[in-house]
Amino acid sequence: MSHRKPHLPQKTCQRCGRPMVWRKRWERCWEEVRYCSEACRRGTPRGRALARSR
């Protein structure tokens, strides 16, 4: 029996527009979740953040 999660709620990230799926750690605050990652929350462009770290 495979374990699938087809019925989880989804949202779209407000900054980048990527879809994000409900996670257990967001169980209590799912209504407040707006961004898919810490980078989107801070507003740093993904490309520039990677270039600086190199």
Protein backbone atom coordinates (compact mmCIF):
# COMPACT_ATOMS: atom_id res chain seq x y z
CA MET A 1 0.00 0.00 0.00
CA SER A 2 1.52 3.31 -1.02
CA HIS A 3 1.09 6.32 1.20
CA ARG A 4 -0.28 9.21 -0.83
CA LYS A 5 -1.52 12.60 0.26
CA PRO A 6 -3.86 13.69 -2.52
CA HIS A 7 -6.28 15.76 -0.42
CA LEU A 8 -3.96 18.22 1.33
CA PRO A 9 -4.83 21.91 1.09
CA GLN A 10 -2.72 24.13 -1.15
CA LYS A 11 -1.85 27.82 -1.28
CA THR A 12 0.15 30.03 -3.62
CA CYS A 13 3.19 31.93 -2.35
CA GLN A 14 2.49 35.67 -2.34
CA ARG A 15 5.98 36.58 -3.53
CA CYS A 16 6.99 34.00 -6.14
CA GLY A 17 3.65 32.40 -7.05
CA ARG A 18 4.80 28.84 -6.46
CA PRO A 19 2.25 26.39 -5.08
CA MET A 20 2.82 25.11 -1.55
CA VAL A 21 1.12 22.17 0.12
CA TRP A 22 0.06 21.90 3.76
CA ARG A 23 2.75 20.62 6.13
CA LYS A 24 2.37 19.13 9.59
CA ARG A 25 4.51 21.90 11.11
CA TRP A 26 2.03 24.46 9.72
CA GLU A 27 -0.92 22.67 11.35
CA ARG A 28 -1.67 25.39 13.92
CA CYS A 29 -0.82 28.41 11.76
CA TRP A 30 -1.91 27.39 8.24
CA GLU A 31 -4.15 30.46 7.94
CA GLU A 32 -1.17 32.77 8.57
CA VAL A 33 1.27 31.05 6.16
CA ARG A 34 1.89 33.37 3.19
CA TYR A 35 5.35 32.49 1.83
CA CYS A 36 6.86 29.22 0.61
CA SER A 37 10.33 29.80 2.07
CA GLU A 38 12.43 32.00 4.30
CA ALA A 39 13.96 33.64 1.20
CA CYS A 40 10.52 34.69 -0.03
CA ARG A 41 9.57 35.94 3.42
CA ARG A 42 12.68 38.13 3.56
CA GLY A 43 12.18 39.27 -0.02
CA THR A 44 15.61 38.25 -1.27
CA PRO A 45 15.70 37.20 -4.91
CA ARG A 46 16.76 33.57 -5.15
CA GLY A 47 19.37 34.14 -7.85
CA ARG A 48 21.22 36.94 -6.07
CA ALA A 49 21.22 35.11 -2.73
CA LEU A 50 22.91 32.11 -4.36
CA ALA A 51 25.48 34.28 -6.15
CA ARG A 52 26.54 36.05 -2.94
CA SER A 53 27.16 32.82 -1.06
CA ARG A 54 29.69 31.60 -3.64
